[in-house]
Amino acid sequence: MGRLLEELSKFDEGPTWYERERRYRVHVIAEFLYATGLRIAEACSLTEVDVDLEARRVYLKEGKGGSPRTAYLTRYAAEVLTVYLDSGASATRHRYVRQLGHTIFGANKARVADVVNRELEKVCTRLELPVITTHGFRHSLGTHLLRSGADLRHIQAILGHEALQTTQIYTHVDKEDLRRSLDEHHPRHFRTAATATIVTDETRS
């Protein structure tokens, strides 16, 4: 995730203005999704009044299931969004008439997801990383918070899960990591049943 986000932050290295603008928008959206854990549809519904940059909070009027909730920005994501709202959004929209210009990202879920996912596929392929989609930022946030020791109920609140059982899917991912770690580091890892010598009365003699 660090390599991907670092590469997206190099938006000013594109060969054309179109590629630089597109990469910049994807950079902002990626940082926003990875910080808040919002679904792409939720992110696309937001307007500036829904964001308190000073408090680093995002107020979602209606999330999945129709319930309102609060999401949170990391300090870096808040800085990125501040620059975007101050000047970046207008700079990347001036060539187009946008029906959803009142929203932060200026387009509906389908349009934003299409643009972001195509750019993510291109970058991940070049970096030889597993291809991630917009929803992957939400899943990665839950997994990375758990691995870093965050309380499961805090992760539940951050991701807006109504039931703790939904959040517990991330513990299953972590258990798989534990199994791989055991296989990799256990002293018996290098000894297999196929190579072990079976001790019988004949071998003793």
N, C-alpha and C. Protein backbone atom coordinates (compact mmCIF):
# COMPACT_ATOMS: atom_id res chain seq x y z
N MET A 1 0.83 -1.20 0.00
CA MET A 1 0.00 0.00 0.00
C MET A 1 0.87 1.26 0.00
N GLY A 2 1.95 1.23 0.76
CA GLY A 2 2.85 2.38 0.79
C GLY A 2 3.45 2.68 -0.57
N ARG A 3 3.87 1.63 -1.28
CA ARG A 3 4.45 1.82 -2.61
C ARG A 3 3.42 2.38 -3.58
N LEU A 4 2.20 1.89 -3.50
CA LEU A 4 1.14 2.35 -4.40
C LEU A 4 0.82 3.82 -4.16
N LEU A 5 0.62 4.20 -2.90
CA LEU A 5 0.28 5.58 -2.59
C LEU A 5 1.43 6.53 -2.91
N GLU A 6 2.66 6.06 -2.70
CA GLU A 6 3.82 6.88 -3.03
C GLU A 6 3.88 7.15 -4.53
N GLU A 7 3.59 6.13 -5.32
CA GLU A 7 3.61 6.28 -6.78
C GLU A 7 2.50 7.22 -7.24
N LEU A 8 1.33 7.13 -6.63
CA LEU A 8 0.23 8.01 -7.01
C LEU A 8 0.52 9.47 -6.66
N SER A 9 1.33 9.68 -5.64
CA SER A 9 1.67 11.05 -5.23
C SER A 9 2.59 11.74 -6.22
N LYS A 10 3.15 10.97 -7.16
CA LYS A 10 4.05 11.55 -8.18
C LYS A 10 3.24 11.99 -9.41
N PHE A 11 2.09 12.56 -9.17
CA PHE A 11 1.17 12.93 -10.26
C PHE A 11 1.76 13.98 -11.20
N ASP A 12 2.72 14.75 -10.71
CA ASP A 12 3.28 15.82 -11.53
C ASP A 12 4.33 15.31 -12.51
N GLU A 13 4.57 14.01 -12.54
CA GLU A 13 5.58 13.45 -13.43
C GLU A 13 4.99 12.93 -14.74
N GLY A 14 3.67 13.05 -14.90
CA GLY A 14 3.03 12.56 -16.12
C GLY A 14 3.46 13.35 -17.35
N PRO A 15 3.47 12.71 -18.53
CA PRO A 15 3.95 13.37 -19.74
C PRO A 15 2.98 14.41 -20.32
N THR A 16 1.68 14.31 -20.00
CA THR A 16 0.70 15.26 -20.54
C THR A 16 -0.12 15.84 -19.40
N TRP A 17 -0.73 17.00 -19.66
CA TRP A 17 -1.56 17.63 -18.63
C TRP A 17 -2.73 16.74 -18.26
N TYR A 18 -3.29 16.03 -19.25
CA TYR A 18 -4.42 15.15 -18.97
C TYR A 18 -4.03 14.03 -18.00
N GLU A 19 -2.88 13.42 -18.23
CA GLU A 19 -2.43 12.34 -17.36
C GLU A 19 -2.08 12.86 -15.97
N ARG A 20 -1.51 14.06 -15.90
CA ARG A 20 -1.18 14.64 -14.59
C ARG A 20 -2.45 14.96 -13.80
N GLU A 21 -3.45 15.52 -14.46
CA GLU A 21 -4.71 15.84 -13.77
C GLU A 21 -5.42 14.57 -13.29
N ARG A 22 -5.47 13.57 -14.16
CA ARG A 22 -6.13 12.32 -13.79
C ARG A 22 -5.41 11.65 -12.62
N ARG A 23 -4.08 11.58 -12.68
CA ARG A 23 -3.32 10.97 -11.60
C ARG A 23 -3.49 11.76 -10.30
N TYR A 24 -3.58 13.08 -10.40
CA TYR A 24 -3.77 13.89 -9.20
C TYR A 24 -5.11 13.55 -8.53
N ARG A 25 -6.16 13.47 -9.32
CA ARG A 25 -7.48 13.14 -8.76
C ARG A 25 -7.46 11.76 -8.12
N VAL A 26 -6.82 10.80 -8.77
CA VAL A 26 -6.74 9.45 -8.21
C VAL A 26 -5.92 9.45 -6.92
N HIS A 27 -4.85 10.23 -6.89
CA HIS A 27 -4.04 10.38 -5.68
C HIS A 27 -4.90 10.88 -4.51
N VAL A 28 -5.69 11.91 -4.74
CA VAL A 28 -6.53 12.48 -3.68
C VAL A 28 -7.57 11.46 -3.22
N ILE A 29 -8.23 10.83 -4.16
CA ILE A 29 -9.29 9.87 -3.82
C ILE A 29 -8.72 8.67 -3.08
N ALA A 30 -7.56 8.19 -3.51
CA ALA A 30 -6.94 7.03 -2.86
C ALA A 30 -6.57 7.35 -1.42
N GLU A 31 -5.97 8.51 -1.19
CA GLU A 31 -5.61 8.89 0.19
C GLU A 31 -6.87 9.05 1.04
N PHE A 32 -7.92 9.59 0.44
CA PHE A 32 -9.18 9.80 1.17
C PHE A 32 -9.81 8.46 1.55
N LEU A 33 -9.88 7.53 0.61
CA LEU A 33 -10.50 6.23 0.87
C LEU A 33 -9.70 5.42 1.88
N TYR A 34 -8.38 5.46 1.78
CA TYR A 34 -7.55 4.68 2.69
C TYR A 34 -7.58 5.26 4.10
N ALA A 35 -7.78 6.57 4.22
CA ALA A 35 -7.86 7.19 5.54
C ALA A 35 -9.20 6.95 6.21
N THR A 36 -10.28 7.12 5.45
CA THR A 36 -11.62 7.08 6.04
C THR A 36 -12.24 5.69 6.05
N GLY A 37 -11.85 4.85 5.11
CA GLY A 37 -12.50 3.55 4.99
C GLY A 37 -13.89 3.63 4.38
N LEU A 38 -14.23 4.77 3.79
CA LEU A 38 -15.54 4.92 3.19
C LEU A 38 -15.66 4.09 1.92
N ARG A 39 -16.86 3.64 1.64
CA ARG A 39 -17.15 3.02 0.35
C ARG A 39 -17.15 4.10 -0.71
N ILE A 40 -16.89 3.71 -1.96
CA ILE A 40 -16.79 4.70 -3.03
C ILE A 40 -18.10 5.45 -3.22
N ALA A 41 -19.23 4.78 -3.05
CA ALA A 41 -20.52 5.45 -3.18
C ALA A 41 -20.71 6.50 -2.08
N GLU A 42 -20.24 6.18 -0.89
CA GLU A 42 -20.33 7.11 0.23
C GLU A 42 -19.45 8.33 -0.02
N ALA A 43 -18.24 8.09 -0.49
CA ALA A 43 -17.31 9.20 -0.76
C ALA A 43 -17.86 10.12 -1.84
N CYS A 44 -18.50 9.55 -2.85
CA CYS A 44 -19.00 10.35 -3.97
C CYS A 44 -20.25 11.16 -3.61
N SER A 45 -20.86 10.85 -2.49
CA SER A 45 -22.06 11.59 -2.08
C SER A 45 -21.72 12.84 -1.25
N LEU A 46 -20.47 13.00 -0.86
CA LEU A 46 -20.09 14.07 0.06
C LEU A 46 -19.97 15.43 -0.61
N THR A 47 -20.32 16.48 0.14
CA THR A 47 -20.08 17.86 -0.27
C THR A 47 -19.14 18.50 0.74
N GLU A 48 -18.68 19.69 0.46
CA GLU A 48 -17.72 20.35 1.35
C GLU A 48 -18.26 20.55 2.75
N VAL A 49 -19.56 20.77 2.88
CA VAL A 49 -20.14 21.01 4.22
C VAL A 49 -20.11 19.74 5.07
N ASP A 50 -19.88 18.61 4.45
CA ASP A 50 -19.82 17.35 5.18
C ASP A 50 -18.44 17.08 5.78
N VAL A 51 -17.49 17.94 5.48
CA VAL A 51 -16.10 17.71 5.91
C VAL A 51 -15.64 18.83 6.84
N ASP A 52 -15.13 18.44 8.00
CA ASP A 52 -14.52 19.37 8.94
C ASP A 52 -13.02 19.09 8.94
N LEU A 53 -12.29 19.86 8.14
CA LEU A 53 -10.86 19.58 7.98
C LEU A 53 -10.07 19.87 9.25
N GLU A 54 -10.48 20.87 10.00
CA GLU A 54 -9.76 21.19 11.23
C GLU A 54 -9.87 20.06 12.24
N ALA A 55 -11.08 19.51 12.37
CA ALA A 55 -11.29 18.39 13.30
C ALA A 55 -10.95 17.05 12.67
N ARG A 56 -10.69 17.06 11.36
CA ARG A 56 -10.39 15.85 10.59
C ARG A 56 -11.51 14.82 10.68
N ARG A 57 -12.74 15.32 10.48
CA ARG A 57 -13.92 14.46 10.52
C ARG A 57 -14.72 14.60 9.24
N VAL A 58 -15.35 13.50 8.86
CA VAL A 58 -16.22 13.47 7.68
C VAL A 58 -17.58 12.98 8.14
N TYR A 59 -18.62 13.77 7.89
CA TYR A 59 -19.96 13.44 8.36
C TYR A 59 -20.78 12.87 7.19
N LEU A 60 -21.10 11.61 7.31
CA LEU A 60 -21.85 10.93 6.27
C LEU A 60 -23.33 10.91 6.67
N LYS A 61 -24.15 11.58 5.88
CA LYS A 61 -25.58 11.68 6.22
C LYS A 61 -26.28 10.33 6.14
N GLU A 62 -25.88 9.55 5.14
CA GLU A 62 -26.55 8.26 4.94
C GLU A 62 -25.57 7.25 4.37
N GLY A 63 -25.13 6.34 5.22
CA GLY A 63 -24.23 5.30 4.76
C GLY A 63 -24.99 4.07 4.34
N LYS A 64 -24.31 2.94 4.22
CA LYS A 64 -24.96 1.70 3.86
C LYS A 64 -25.97 1.33 4.93
N GLY A 65 -27.19 1.02 4.54
CA GLY A 65 -28.23 0.72 5.50
C GLY A 65 -29.00 1.95 5.93
N GLY A 66 -28.59 3.14 5.41
CA GLY A 66 -29.33 4.36 5.70
C GLY A 66 -28.94 5.06 6.98
N SER A 67 -27.93 4.56 7.68
CA SER A 67 -27.54 5.15 8.96
C SER A 67 -26.45 6.21 8.78
N PRO A 68 -26.58 7.35 9.46
CA PRO A 68 -25.51 8.36 9.42
C PRO A 68 -24.33 7.91 10.27
N ARG A 69 -23.15 8.38 9.94
CA ARG A 69 -21.99 8.06 10.77
C ARG A 69 -20.88 9.07 10.50
N THR A 70 -19.86 9.00 11.34
CA THR A 70 -18.71 9.89 11.22
C THR A 70 -17.48 9.08 10.85
N ALA A 71 -16.75 9.56 9.86
CA ALA A 71 -15.47 8.95 9.48
C ALA A 71 -14.36 9.94 9.84
N TYR A 72 -13.13 9.47 9.80
CA TYR A 72 -12.02 10.30 10.26
C TYR A 72 -10.89 10.32 9.24
N LEU A 73 -10.22 11.45 9.17
CA LEU A 73 -9.10 11.64 8.27
C LEU A 73 -7.78 11.56 9.03
N THR A 74 -6.78 10.96 8.42
CA THR A 74 -5.43 11.07 8.98
C THR A 74 -4.96 12.50 8.74
N ARG A 75 -3.91 12.88 9.42
CA ARG A 75 -3.39 14.24 9.25
C ARG A 75 -2.95 14.48 7.80
N TYR A 76 -2.27 13.49 7.22
CA TYR A 76 -1.81 13.67 5.85
C TYR A 76 -2.98 13.75 4.87
N ALA A 77 -3.96 12.89 5.04
CA ALA A 77 -5.12 12.92 4.15
C ALA A 77 -5.87 14.24 4.27
N ALA A 78 -5.92 14.79 5.47
CA ALA A 78 -6.57 16.09 5.66
C ALA A 78 -5.82 17.19 4.92
N GLU A 79 -4.50 17.12 4.94
CA GLU A 79 -3.69 18.10 4.22
C GLU A 79 -3.89 17.98 2.71
N VAL A 80 -3.93 16.75 2.22
CA VAL A 80 -4.15 16.51 0.79
C VAL A 80 -5.52 17.04 0.37
N LEU A 81 -6.53 16.77 1.19
CA LEU A 81 -7.88 17.21 0.86
C LEU A 81 -8.01 18.73 0.96
N THR A 82 -7.30 19.33 1.87
CA THR A 82 -7.33 20.80 2.00
C THR A 82 -6.83 21.46 0.73
N VAL A 83 -5.70 21.00 0.22
CA VAL A 83 -5.14 21.56 -1.01
C VAL A 83 -6.10 21.32 -2.17
N TYR A 84 -6.68 20.13 -2.21
CA TYR A 84 -7.62 19.78 -3.28
C TYR A 84 -8.83 20.70 -3.28
N LEU A 85 -9.42 20.91 -2.11
CA LEU A 85 -10.62 21.75 -2.03
C LEU A 85 -10.29 23.22 -2.25
N ASP A 86 -9.11 23.65 -1.84
CA ASP A 86 -8.72 25.05 -2.01
C ASP A 86 -8.46 25.40 -3.47
N SER A 87 -7.81 24.49 -4.20
CA SER A 87 -7.44 24.83 -5.57
C SER A 87 -7.45 23.64 -6.54
N GLY A 88 -7.16 22.46 -6.04
CA GLY A 88 -7.04 21.31 -6.92
C GLY A 88 -8.31 20.93 -7.64
N ALA A 89 -9.45 20.99 -6.94
CA ALA A 89 -10.72 20.58 -7.56
C ALA A 89 -11.07 21.48 -8.73
N SER A 90 -11.00 22.79 -8.53
CA SER A 90 -11.34 23.73 -9.60
C SER A 90 -10.36 23.62 -10.76
N ALA A 91 -9.10 23.35 -10.46
CA ALA A 91 -8.08 23.25 -11.51
C ALA A 91 -8.29 22.03 -12.39
N THR A 92 -8.86 20.97 -11.84
CA THR A 92 -9.05 19.74 -12.62
C THR A 92 -10.45 19.64 -13.21
N ARG A 93 -11.32 20.60 -12.92
CA ARG A 93 -12.69 20.54 -13.44
C ARG A 93 -12.99 21.60 -14.48
N HIS A 94 -12.10 22.55 -14.69
CA HIS A 94 -12.44 23.71 -15.50
C HIS A 94 -12.74 23.37 -16.94
N ARG A 95 -12.31 22.22 -17.41
CA ARG A 95 -12.53 21.86 -18.81
C ARG A 95 -13.85 21.12 -19.02
N TYR A 96 -14.52 20.75 -17.93
CA TYR A 96 -15.71 19.93 -18.06
C TYR A 96 -16.88 20.51 -17.28
N VAL A 97 -18.09 20.30 -17.80
CA VAL A 97 -19.31 20.62 -17.07
C VAL A 97 -19.71 19.37 -16.30
N ARG A 98 -19.80 19.47 -15.00
CA ARG A 98 -20.09 18.30 -14.18
C ARG A 98 -21.47 18.42 -13.54
N GLN A 99 -22.29 17.40 -13.77
CA GLN A 99 -23.65 17.41 -13.23
C GLN A 99 -23.65 17.36 -11.70
N LEU A 100 -22.61 16.74 -11.13
CA LEU A 100 -22.51 16.64 -9.68
C LEU A 100 -21.38 17.52 -9.16
N GLY A 101 -21.26 18.71 -9.74
CA GLY A 101 -20.20 19.62 -9.36
C GLY A 101 -20.26 20.09 -7.92
N HIS A 102 -21.40 19.92 -7.28
CA HIS A 102 -21.53 20.33 -5.88
C HIS A 102 -20.90 19.33 -4.92
N THR A 103 -20.59 18.12 -5.42
CA THR A 103 -19.95 17.12 -4.56
C THR A 103 -18.44 17.28 -4.61
N ILE A 104 -17.78 16.71 -3.64
CA ILE A 104 -16.32 16.85 -3.53
C ILE A 104 -15.60 16.33 -4.77
N PHE A 105 -16.01 15.16 -5.24
CA PHE A 105 -15.30 14.54 -6.35
C PHE A 105 -15.98 14.74 -7.70
N GLY A 106 -17.11 15.43 -7.72
CA GLY A 106 -17.71 15.92 -8.95
C GLY A 106 -18.29 14.91 -9.91
N ALA A 107 -18.51 13.68 -9.48
CA ALA A 107 -19.08 12.67 -10.37
C ALA A 107 -19.74 11.58 -9.54
N ASN A 108 -20.52 10.74 -10.21
CA ASN A 108 -21.20 9.67 -9.49
C ASN A 108 -20.26 8.49 -9.25
N LYS A 109 -20.77 7.54 -8.49
CA LYS A 109 -19.96 6.37 -8.10
C LYS A 109 -19.39 5.64 -9.30
N ALA A 110 -20.21 5.39 -10.30
CA ALA A 110 -19.77 4.60 -11.45
C ALA A 110 -18.62 5.28 -12.18
N ARG A 111 -18.75 6.60 -12.40
CA ARG A 111 -17.73 7.33 -13.14
C ARG A 111 -16.42 7.38 -12.35
N VAL A 112 -16.50 7.72 -11.07
CA VAL A 112 -15.29 7.82 -10.25
C VAL A 112 -14.61 6.46 -10.13
N ALA A 113 -15.39 5.41 -9.87
CA ALA A 113 -14.81 4.08 -9.72
C ALA A 113 -14.13 3.63 -11.00
N ASP A 114 -14.73 3.94 -12.14
CA ASP A 114 -14.15 3.54 -13.42
C ASP A 114 -12.79 4.21 -13.64
N VAL A 115 -12.74 5.52 -13.42
CA VAL A 115 -11.49 6.26 -13.62
C VAL A 115 -10.41 5.79 -12.66
N VAL A 116 -10.78 5.67 -11.39
CA VAL A 116 -9.80 5.29 -10.37
C VAL A 116 -9.32 3.86 -10.58
N ASN A 117 -10.23 2.95 -10.85
CA ASN A 117 -9.84 1.55 -11.00
C ASN A 117 -8.95 1.32 -12.21
N ARG A 118 -9.19 2.05 -13.29
CA ARG A 118 -8.33 1.91 -14.46
C ARG A 118 -6.91 2.42 -14.17
N GLU A 119 -6.84 3.52 -13.44
CA GLU A 119 -5.52 4.06 -13.10
C GLU A 119 -4.80 3.15 -12.11
N LEU A 120 -5.55 2.60 -11.16
CA LEU A 120 -4.95 1.69 -10.19
C LEU A 120 -4.41 0.43 -10.86
N GLU A 121 -5.15 -0.09 -11.82
CA GLU A 121 -4.69 -1.28 -12.54
C GLU A 121 -3.39 -1.00 -13.27
N LYS A 122 -3.31 0.17 -13.89
CA LYS A 122 -2.11 0.53 -14.63
C LYS A 122 -0.90 0.65 -13.70
N VAL A 123 -1.08 1.35 -12.58
CA VAL A 123 0.03 1.58 -11.66
C VAL A 123 0.45 0.28 -10.97
N CYS A 124 -0.53 -0.50 -10.51
CA CYS A 124 -0.21 -1.76 -9.83
C CYS A 124 0.52 -2.72 -10.76
N THR A 125 0.10 -2.76 -12.01
CA THR A 125 0.75 -3.64 -12.98
C THR A 125 2.20 -3.22 -13.20
N ARG A 126 2.43 -1.91 -13.33
CA ARG A 126 3.78 -1.43 -13.54
C ARG A 126 4.67 -1.71 -12.33
N LEU A 127 4.11 -1.61 -11.13
CA LEU A 127 4.88 -1.85 -9.91
C LEU A 127 4.94 -3.33 -9.54
N GLU A 128 4.27 -4.17 -10.33
CA GLU A 128 4.20 -5.61 -10.07
C GLU A 128 3.59 -5.88 -8.70
N LEU A 129 2.48 -5.16 -8.41
CA LEU A 129 1.72 -5.35 -7.18
C LEU A 129 0.39 -6.00 -7.51
N PRO A 130 -0.23 -6.68 -6.54
CA PRO A 130 -1.59 -7.17 -6.78
C PRO A 130 -2.50 -5.98 -7.11
N VAL A 131 -3.36 -6.13 -8.08
CA VAL A 131 -4.22 -5.03 -8.49
C VAL A 131 -5.28 -4.78 -7.43
N ILE A 132 -5.38 -3.54 -7.00
CA ILE A 132 -6.35 -3.13 -5.99
C ILE A 132 -7.44 -2.30 -6.65
N THR A 133 -8.65 -2.33 -6.12
CA THR A 133 -9.74 -1.50 -6.60
C THR A 133 -10.11 -0.49 -5.52
N THR A 134 -11.10 0.35 -5.81
CA THR A 134 -11.51 1.35 -4.82
C THR A 134 -11.94 0.70 -3.50
N HIS A 135 -12.60 -0.45 -3.58
CA HIS A 135 -13.03 -1.11 -2.35
C HIS A 135 -11.85 -1.70 -1.59
N GLY A 136 -10.75 -1.94 -2.29
CA GLY A 136 -9.58 -2.51 -1.65
C GLY A 136 -8.98 -1.61 -0.58
N PHE A 137 -9.16 -0.29 -0.72
CA PHE A 137 -8.63 0.62 0.30
C PHE A 137 -9.34 0.41 1.63
N ARG A 138 -10.64 0.18 1.57
CA ARG A 138 -11.42 -0.06 2.78
C ARG A 138 -10.98 -1.37 3.43
N HIS A 139 -10.84 -2.40 2.64
CA HIS A 139 -10.42 -3.70 3.16
C HIS A 139 -9.00 -3.61 3.73
N SER A 140 -8.13 -2.91 3.03
CA SER A 140 -6.75 -2.77 3.50
C SER A 140 -6.69 -2.01 4.81
N LEU A 141 -7.51 -0.97 4.94
CA LEU A 141 -7.52 -0.20 6.19
C LEU A 141 -7.88 -1.09 7.37
N GLY A 142 -8.94 -1.88 7.23
CA GLY A 142 -9.34 -2.77 8.32
C GLY A 142 -8.26 -3.76 8.68
N THR A 143 -7.64 -4.36 7.66
CA THR A 143 -6.59 -5.35 7.88
C THR A 143 -5.36 -4.72 8.53
N HIS A 144 -4.95 -3.56 8.05
CA HIS A 144 -3.73 -2.93 8.56
C HIS A 144 -3.94 -2.40 9.98
N LEU A 145 -5.12 -1.90 10.29
CA LEU A 145 -5.40 -1.46 11.66
C LEU A 145 -5.33 -2.63 12.63
N LEU A 146 -5.89 -3.77 12.22
CA LEU A 146 -5.87 -4.94 13.08
C LEU A 146 -4.45 -5.41 13.32
N ARG A 147 -3.66 -5.46 12.26
CA ARG A 147 -2.27 -5.92 12.39
C ARG A 147 -1.45 -4.98 13.27
N SER A 148 -1.84 -3.72 13.29
CA SER A 148 -1.11 -2.74 14.10
C SER A 148 -1.57 -2.73 15.55
N GLY A 149 -2.57 -3.55 15.88
CA GLY A 149 -3.01 -3.66 17.26
C GLY A 149 -4.24 -2.86 17.63
N ALA A 150 -4.95 -2.30 16.65
CA ALA A 150 -6.16 -1.53 16.95
C ALA A 150 -7.24 -2.44 17.51
N ASP A 151 -8.01 -1.91 18.43
CA ASP A 151 -9.11 -2.65 19.02
C ASP A 151 -10.16 -2.97 17.95
N LEU A 152 -10.69 -4.18 17.98
CA LEU A 152 -11.64 -4.61 16.96
C LEU A 152 -12.89 -3.74 16.95
N ARG A 153 -13.32 -3.29 18.13
CA ARG A 153 -14.52 -2.45 18.17
C ARG A 153 -14.23 -1.05 17.62
N HIS A 154 -13.01 -0.58 17.74
CA HIS A 154 -12.64 0.69 17.12
C HIS A 154 -12.66 0.55 15.60
N ILE A 155 -12.16 -0.57 15.10
CA ILE A 155 -12.19 -0.82 13.66
C ILE A 155 -13.64 -0.89 13.18
N GLN A 156 -14.48 -1.52 13.97
CA GLN A 156 -15.90 -1.60 13.65
C GLN A 156 -16.50 -0.21 13.47
N ALA A 157 -16.19 0.70 14.40
CA ALA A 157 -16.72 2.07 14.33
C ALA A 157 -16.13 2.83 13.15
N ILE A 158 -14.84 2.66 12.90
CA ILE A 158 -14.18 3.37 11.80
C ILE A 158 -14.77 2.96 10.45
N LEU A 159 -15.04 1.66 10.29
CA LEU A 159 -15.57 1.16 9.02
C LEU A 159 -17.09 1.25 8.93
N GLY A 160 -17.73 1.55 10.05
CA GLY A 160 -19.18 1.70 10.03
C GLY A 160 -19.94 0.39 9.95
N HIS A 161 -19.38 -0.67 10.49
CA HIS A 161 -20.07 -1.96 10.52
C HIS A 161 -21.11 -1.95 11.63
N GLU A 162 -22.33 -2.37 11.32
CA GLU A 162 -23.36 -2.42 12.36
C GLU A 162 -23.12 -3.58 13.32
N ALA A 163 -22.62 -4.68 12.80
CA ALA A 163 -22.38 -5.86 13.62
C ALA A 163 -20.89 -6.16 13.72
N LEU A 164 -20.44 -6.53 14.91
CA LEU A 164 -19.03 -6.85 15.11
C LEU A 164 -18.62 -8.06 14.28
N GLN A 165 -19.59 -8.96 14.00
CA GLN A 165 -19.27 -10.15 13.21
C GLN A 165 -18.76 -9.77 11.82
N THR A 166 -19.25 -8.66 11.28
CA THR A 166 -18.80 -8.22 9.97
C THR A 166 -17.33 -7.82 10.04
N THR A 167 -16.94 -7.15 11.11
CA THR A 167 -15.56 -6.71 11.28
C THR A 167 -14.63 -7.89 11.48
N GLN A 168 -15.16 -8.98 12.04
CA GLN A 168 -14.31 -10.12 12.38
C GLN A 168 -13.75 -10.84 11.16
N ILE A 169 -14.21 -10.47 9.97
CA ILE A 169 -13.61 -11.05 8.76
C ILE A 169 -12.12 -10.73 8.70
N TYR A 170 -11.72 -9.59 9.28
CA TYR A 170 -10.32 -9.21 9.25
C TYR A 170 -9.48 -10.08 10.18
N THR A 171 -10.09 -10.65 11.20
CA THR A 171 -9.35 -11.57 12.06
C THR A 171 -9.06 -12.86 11.31
N HIS A 172 -9.95 -13.24 10.39
CA HIS A 172 -9.70 -14.43 9.58
C HIS A 172 -8.50 -14.22 8.68
N VAL A 173 -8.39 -13.03 8.12
CA VAL A 173 -7.23 -12.71 7.29
C VAL A 173 -5.96 -12.80 8.12
N ASP A 174 -6.02 -12.26 9.33
CA ASP A 174 -4.84 -12.26 10.17
C ASP A 174 -4.46 -13.67 10.60
N LYS A 175 -5.44 -14.53 10.85
CA LYS A 175 -5.15 -15.91 11.22
C LYS A 175 -4.44 -16.64 10.07
N GLU A 176 -4.81 -16.30 8.84
CA GLU A 176 -4.13 -16.89 7.69
C GLU A 176 -2.67 -16.45 7.66
N ASP A 177 -2.42 -15.19 8.01
CA ASP A 177 -1.05 -14.70 8.09
C ASP A 177 -0.26 -15.46 9.16
N LEU A 178 -0.93 -15.74 10.28
CA LEU A 178 -0.28 -16.47 11.36
C LEU A 178 0.09 -17.88 10.90
N ARG A 179 -0.79 -18.53 10.16
CA ARG A 179 -0.50 -19.87 9.67
C ARG A 179 0.71 -19.85 8.73
N ARG A 180 0.74 -18.85 7.84
CA ARG A 180 1.88 -18.75 6.92
C ARG A 180 3.18 -18.49 7.68
N SER A 181 3.07 -17.66 8.75
CA SER A 181 4.25 -17.37 9.54
C SER A 181 4.75 -18.64 10.24
N LEU A 182 3.82 -19.44 10.74
CA LEU A 182 4.20 -20.71 11.38
C LEU A 182 4.89 -21.63 10.38
N ASP A 183 4.30 -21.73 9.17
CA ASP A 183 4.89 -22.59 8.14
C ASP A 183 6.28 -22.12 7.76
N GLU A 184 6.47 -20.83 7.74
CA GLU A 184 7.74 -20.28 7.27
C GLU A 184 8.85 -20.36 8.31
N HIS A 185 8.50 -20.17 9.59
CA HIS A 185 9.54 -20.01 10.61
C HIS A 185 9.67 -21.16 11.61
N HIS A 186 8.71 -22.08 11.62
CA HIS A 186 8.79 -23.17 12.59
C HIS A 186 10.00 -24.06 12.28
N PRO A 187 10.73 -24.49 13.32
CA PRO A 187 11.93 -25.31 13.09
C PRO A 187 11.66 -26.58 12.28
N ARG A 188 10.44 -27.09 12.31
CA ARG A 188 10.13 -28.32 11.59
C ARG A 188 9.72 -28.05 10.15
N HIS A 189 9.73 -26.78 9.76
CA HIS A 189 9.29 -26.41 8.41
C HIS A 189 10.12 -27.11 7.33
N PHE A 190 11.42 -27.26 7.59
CA PHE A 190 12.31 -27.82 6.57
C PHE A 190 12.35 -29.35 6.58
N ARG A 191 11.62 -29.95 7.52
CA ARG A 191 11.59 -31.42 7.60
C ARG A 191 10.21 -31.87 7.15
N THR A 192 10.15 -32.64 6.11
CA THR A 192 8.86 -33.10 5.59
C THR A 192 8.72 -34.59 5.80
N ALA A 193 7.48 -35.04 5.74
CA ALA A 193 7.21 -36.47 5.92
C ALA A 193 7.86 -37.29 4.82
N ALA A 194 7.99 -36.68 3.63
CA ALA A 194 8.57 -37.42 2.50
C ALA A 194 10.05 -37.70 2.70
N THR A 195 10.74 -36.81 3.42
CA THR A 195 12.19 -36.98 3.59
C THR A 195 12.56 -37.60 4.94
N ALA A 196 11.61 -37.65 5.85
CA ALA A 196 11.91 -38.21 7.18
C ALA A 196 12.13 -39.72 7.08
N THR A 197 13.07 -40.21 7.86
CA THR A 197 13.35 -41.65 7.88
C THR A 197 12.43 -42.34 8.85
N ILE A 198 11.73 -43.35 8.36
CA ILE A 198 10.84 -44.11 9.22
C ILE A 198 11.68 -45.14 9.98
N VAL A 199 11.60 -45.07 11.30
CA VAL A 199 12.39 -45.97 12.13
C VAL A 199 11.62 -47.27 12.32
N THR A 200 12.19 -48.35 11.87
CA THR A 200 11.59 -49.67 12.04
C THR A 200 12.59 -50.59 12.70
N ASP A 201 12.17 -51.82 12.97
CA ASP A 201 13.11 -52.77 13.53
C ASP A 201 14.27 -53.02 12.59
N GLU A 202 13.98 -52.98 11.26
CA GLU A 202 15.04 -53.24 10.28
C GLU A 202 16.06 -52.11 10.28
N THR A 203 15.59 -50.86 10.35
CA THR A 203 16.53 -49.73 10.31
C THR A 203 17.34 -49.66 11.58
N ARG A 204 16.78 -50.11 12.69
CA ARG A 204 17.55 -50.12 13.94
C ARG A 204 18.74 -51.07 13.83
N SER A 205 18.50 -52.19 13.15
CA SER A 205 19.58 -53.16 13.02
C SER A 205 20.48 -52.77 11.85
